[in-house]
Amino acid sequence: MSNTKVELYHRKQCPYCKKVQAVLQEMDLEMIQKDVGKNADDLEELRAVGGKTQVPCLIQVNDQGEKTALYESDDIISWIKTHENELR
């Protein structure tokens, strides 16, 4: 994996989250996934980084510990496909 750590924040019943997860499965990729519906700490972390609790959200953490949030399932899928080699 690259030097960029990624985490997918989701809710179990969210259809847009399932769309992203299906792409990960199709591409045989794994990443840390946090269900904000089950863990209040994860929900607060999502709010702290991205300013909102919208899911799906891909949080990227660089080597300096800086976190950036990417929302919208299509944007997340596009990012995953662009960075596929880094995620393997």
N, C-alpha and C. Protein backbone atom coordinates (compact mmCIF):
# COMPACT_ATOMS: atom_id res chain seq x y z
N MET A 1 0.84 -1.19 0.00
CA MET A 1 0.00 0.00 0.00
C MET A 1 0.88 1.25 0.00
N SER A 2 0.36 2.32 -0.47
CA SER A 2 1.11 3.56 -0.54
C SER A 2 1.30 4.16 0.84
N ASN A 3 1.95 5.31 0.88
CA ASN A 3 2.13 6.00 2.14
C ASN A 3 0.85 6.67 2.61
N THR A 4 -0.17 6.69 1.79
CA THR A 4 -1.44 7.28 2.16
C THR A 4 -2.33 6.20 2.74
N LYS A 5 -2.74 6.41 3.97
CA LYS A 5 -3.65 5.49 4.63
C LYS A 5 -5.07 5.95 4.30
N VAL A 6 -5.95 5.01 4.00
CA VAL A 6 -7.33 5.36 3.69
C VAL A 6 -8.28 4.56 4.56
N GLU A 7 -9.38 5.20 4.91
CA GLU A 7 -10.42 4.57 5.70
C GLU A 7 -11.76 4.93 5.09
N LEU A 8 -12.63 3.94 4.97
CA LEU A 8 -13.96 4.18 4.43
C LEU A 8 -14.96 4.20 5.58
N TYR A 9 -15.61 5.33 5.74
CA TYR A 9 -16.66 5.48 6.75
C TYR A 9 -17.98 5.19 6.07
N HIS A 10 -18.80 4.36 6.70
CA HIS A 10 -20.04 3.92 6.08
C HIS A 10 -21.10 3.63 7.13
N ARG A 11 -22.29 3.35 6.64
CA ARG A 11 -23.39 2.81 7.45
C ARG A 11 -23.86 1.55 6.75
N LYS A 12 -24.21 0.56 7.53
CA LYS A 12 -24.57 -0.75 6.99
C LYS A 12 -25.69 -0.68 5.95
N GLN A 13 -26.71 0.11 6.19
CA GLN A 13 -27.87 0.13 5.30
C GLN A 13 -27.81 1.20 4.21
N CYS A 14 -26.73 1.91 4.10
CA CYS A 14 -26.61 2.99 3.11
C CYS A 14 -26.36 2.41 1.72
N PRO A 15 -27.27 2.68 0.76
CA PRO A 15 -27.09 2.13 -0.59
C PRO A 15 -25.85 2.68 -1.30
N TYR A 16 -25.49 3.91 -1.03
CA TYR A 16 -24.30 4.49 -1.67
C TYR A 16 -23.03 3.87 -1.10
N CYS A 17 -23.07 3.55 0.19
CA CYS A 17 -21.94 2.86 0.82
C CYS A 17 -21.78 1.47 0.22
N LYS A 18 -22.90 0.79 0.04
CA LYS A 18 -22.87 -0.55 -0.55
C LYS A 18 -22.31 -0.50 -1.97
N LYS A 19 -22.61 0.56 -2.69
CA LYS A 19 -22.09 0.73 -4.05
C LYS A 19 -20.56 0.78 -4.02
N VAL A 20 -19.99 1.56 -3.10
CA VAL A 20 -18.53 1.65 -2.97
C VAL A 20 -17.95 0.31 -2.54
N GLN A 21 -18.59 -0.33 -1.57
CA GLN A 21 -18.10 -1.62 -1.07
C GLN A 21 -18.14 -2.68 -2.17
N ALA A 22 -19.14 -2.62 -3.03
CA ALA A 22 -19.22 -3.59 -4.14
C ALA A 22 -18.05 -3.41 -5.10
N VAL A 23 -17.66 -2.17 -5.36
CA VAL A 23 -16.51 -1.91 -6.23
C VAL A 23 -15.24 -2.44 -5.58
N LEU A 24 -15.08 -2.21 -4.29
CA LEU A 24 -13.91 -2.75 -3.58
C LEU A 24 -13.85 -4.26 -3.71
N GLN A 25 -15.00 -4.90 -3.55
CA GLN A 25 -15.06 -6.36 -3.65
C GLN A 25 -14.75 -6.81 -5.08
N GLU A 26 -15.33 -6.16 -6.07
CA GLU A 26 -15.08 -6.51 -7.47
C GLU A 26 -13.61 -6.38 -7.82
N MET A 27 -12.96 -5.37 -7.26
CA MET A 27 -11.55 -5.10 -7.55
C MET A 27 -10.62 -5.88 -6.61
N ASP A 28 -11.22 -6.63 -5.70
CA ASP A 28 -10.47 -7.42 -4.72
C ASP A 28 -9.51 -6.54 -3.91
N LEU A 29 -10.05 -5.42 -3.44
CA LEU A 29 -9.27 -4.48 -2.64
C LEU A 29 -9.81 -4.45 -1.22
N GLU A 30 -8.92 -4.24 -0.28
CA GLU A 30 -9.32 -4.12 1.12
C GLU A 30 -8.85 -2.79 1.66
N MET A 31 -9.65 -2.24 2.57
CA MET A 31 -9.24 -1.05 3.30
C MET A 31 -9.97 -1.05 4.63
N ILE A 32 -9.49 -0.25 5.54
CA ILE A 32 -10.16 -0.13 6.84
C ILE A 32 -11.53 0.46 6.59
N GLN A 33 -12.55 -0.17 7.19
CA GLN A 33 -13.92 0.32 7.06
C GLN A 33 -14.49 0.54 8.46
N LYS A 34 -15.11 1.68 8.64
CA LYS A 34 -15.67 2.04 9.94
C LYS A 34 -17.16 2.31 9.79
N ASP A 35 -17.96 1.54 10.50
CA ASP A 35 -19.41 1.68 10.48
C ASP A 35 -19.83 2.70 11.52
N VAL A 36 -20.16 3.90 11.07
CA VAL A 36 -20.51 4.98 12.00
C VAL A 36 -21.86 4.75 12.67
N GLY A 37 -22.63 3.80 12.16
CA GLY A 37 -23.90 3.46 12.80
C GLY A 37 -23.70 2.58 14.02
N LYS A 38 -22.54 1.97 14.13
CA LYS A 38 -22.24 1.08 15.26
C LYS A 38 -21.29 1.68 16.27
N ASN A 39 -20.54 2.71 15.88
CA ASN A 39 -19.50 3.23 16.75
C ASN A 39 -19.57 4.75 16.80
N ALA A 40 -19.98 5.27 17.95
CA ALA A 40 -20.13 6.73 18.10
C ALA A 40 -18.79 7.45 17.98
N ASP A 41 -17.71 6.82 18.40
CA ASP A 41 -16.38 7.44 18.27
C ASP A 41 -16.01 7.64 16.81
N ASP A 42 -16.33 6.65 15.98
CA ASP A 42 -16.06 6.77 14.54
C ASP A 42 -16.89 7.89 13.93
N LEU A 43 -18.14 8.00 14.38
CA LEU A 43 -19.01 9.07 13.88
C LEU A 43 -18.44 10.44 14.24
N GLU A 44 -17.95 10.59 15.45
CA GLU A 44 -17.37 11.86 15.88
C GLU A 44 -16.07 12.15 15.14
N GLU A 45 -15.28 11.11 14.87
CA GLU A 45 -14.05 11.29 14.10
C GLU A 45 -14.38 11.78 12.69
N LEU A 46 -15.41 11.19 12.10
CA LEU A 46 -15.84 11.61 10.77
C LEU A 46 -16.27 13.07 10.78
N ARG A 47 -17.03 13.46 11.79
CA ARG A 47 -17.48 14.85 11.91
C ARG A 47 -16.29 15.80 12.10
N ALA A 48 -15.33 15.38 12.90
CA ALA A 48 -14.16 16.21 13.18
C ALA A 48 -13.31 16.43 11.93
N VAL A 49 -13.16 15.40 11.12
CA VAL A 49 -12.30 15.51 9.93
C VAL A 49 -13.04 16.20 8.79
N GLY A 50 -14.25 15.75 8.51
CA GLY A 50 -14.95 16.25 7.33
C GLY A 50 -15.95 17.36 7.59
N GLY A 51 -16.27 17.59 8.86
CA GLY A 51 -17.22 18.65 9.17
C GLY A 51 -18.68 18.24 9.06
N LYS A 52 -18.91 16.99 8.66
CA LYS A 52 -20.28 16.48 8.56
C LYS A 52 -20.24 14.97 8.72
N THR A 53 -21.42 14.38 8.85
CA THR A 53 -21.49 12.93 9.09
C THR A 53 -22.00 12.17 7.88
N GLN A 54 -21.90 12.76 6.72
CA GLN A 54 -22.35 12.13 5.48
C GLN A 54 -21.48 10.91 5.16
N VAL A 55 -22.14 9.84 4.74
CA VAL A 55 -21.44 8.64 4.28
C VAL A 55 -21.97 8.27 2.91
N PRO A 56 -21.17 7.59 2.11
CA PRO A 56 -19.82 7.15 2.39
C PRO A 56 -18.85 8.33 2.38
N CYS A 57 -17.76 8.12 3.10
CA CYS A 57 -16.70 9.11 3.14
C CYS A 57 -15.37 8.38 3.19
N LEU A 58 -14.49 8.75 2.30
CA LEU A 58 -13.15 8.18 2.29
C LEU A 58 -12.22 9.20 2.94
N ILE A 59 -11.62 8.80 4.06
CA ILE A 59 -10.67 9.66 4.75
C ILE A 59 -9.27 9.21 4.36
N GLN A 60 -8.47 10.16 3.92
CA GLN A 60 -7.09 9.88 3.55
C GLN A 60 -6.18 10.54 4.58
N VAL A 61 -5.18 9.79 5.05
CA VAL A 61 -4.22 10.31 6.02
C VAL A 61 -2.84 10.21 5.40
N ASN A 62 -2.17 11.34 5.23
CA ASN A 62 -0.84 11.31 4.61
C ASN A 62 0.24 11.07 5.66
N ASP A 63 1.48 11.06 5.23
CA ASP A 63 2.61 10.78 6.12
C ASP A 63 2.74 11.80 7.25
N GLN A 64 2.26 13.00 7.04
CA GLN A 64 2.33 14.03 8.06
C GLN A 64 1.14 13.97 9.02
N GLY A 65 0.23 13.01 8.80
CA GLY A 65 -0.94 12.87 9.66
C GLY A 65 -2.10 13.77 9.28
N GLU A 66 -1.96 14.49 8.16
CA GLU A 66 -3.04 15.35 7.69
C GLU A 66 -4.14 14.50 7.08
N LYS A 67 -5.38 14.83 7.44
CA LYS A 67 -6.52 14.06 6.98
C LYS A 67 -7.36 14.89 6.02
N THR A 68 -7.80 14.23 4.95
CA THR A 68 -8.72 14.87 4.01
C THR A 68 -9.89 13.93 3.78
N ALA A 69 -11.05 14.53 3.57
CA ALA A 69 -12.28 13.75 3.38
C ALA A 69 -12.76 13.86 1.94
N LEU A 70 -13.19 12.74 1.41
CA LEU A 70 -13.78 12.69 0.07
C LEU A 70 -15.16 12.08 0.20
N TYR A 71 -16.16 12.81 -0.26
CA TYR A 71 -17.55 12.35 -0.18
C TYR A 71 -18.06 11.99 -1.57
N GLU A 72 -19.26 11.47 -1.61
CA GLU A 72 -19.97 11.07 -2.83
C GLU A 72 -19.41 9.76 -3.39
N SER A 73 -20.29 8.80 -3.51
CA SER A 73 -19.87 7.45 -3.91
C SER A 73 -19.15 7.44 -5.26
N ASP A 74 -19.64 8.18 -6.23
CA ASP A 74 -18.99 8.17 -7.55
C ASP A 74 -17.58 8.77 -7.48
N ASP A 75 -17.41 9.80 -6.68
CA ASP A 75 -16.09 10.40 -6.52
C ASP A 75 -15.14 9.44 -5.80
N ILE A 76 -15.66 8.74 -4.80
CA ILE A 76 -14.84 7.76 -4.07
C ILE A 76 -14.44 6.62 -5.00
N ILE A 77 -15.37 6.13 -5.77
CA ILE A 77 -15.08 5.04 -6.71
C ILE A 77 -14.04 5.48 -7.73
N SER A 78 -14.17 6.68 -8.24
CA SER A 78 -13.20 7.21 -9.19
C SER A 78 -11.82 7.28 -8.54
N TRP A 79 -11.74 7.74 -7.30
CA TRP A 79 -10.46 7.81 -6.59
C TRP A 79 -9.86 6.43 -6.42
N ILE A 80 -10.70 5.47 -6.02
CA ILE A 80 -10.23 4.09 -5.82
C ILE A 80 -9.66 3.53 -7.13
N LYS A 81 -10.37 3.74 -8.22
CA LYS A 81 -9.90 3.21 -9.51
C LYS A 81 -8.60 3.89 -9.95
N THR A 82 -8.47 5.18 -9.68
CA THR A 82 -7.26 5.90 -10.03
C THR A 82 -6.07 5.45 -9.20
N HIS A 83 -6.30 5.06 -7.94
CA HIS A 83 -5.24 4.70 -7.02
C HIS A 83 -5.19 3.20 -6.75
N GLU A 84 -5.75 2.42 -7.64
CA GLU A 84 -5.83 0.97 -7.44
C GLU A 84 -4.47 0.34 -7.11
N ASN A 85 -3.45 0.67 -7.87
CA ASN A 85 -2.14 0.07 -7.64
C ASN A 85 -1.58 0.42 -6.27
N GLU A 86 -1.84 1.61 -5.80
CA GLU A 86 -1.38 2.03 -4.48
C GLU A 86 -2.10 1.30 -3.36
N LEU A 87 -3.30 0.84 -3.64
CA LEU A 87 -4.12 0.17 -2.62
C LEU A 87 -3.85 -1.32 -2.53
N ARG A 88 -3.08 -1.84 -3.43
CA ARG A 88 -2.77 -3.29 -3.41
C ARG A 88 -1.61 -3.58 -2.50
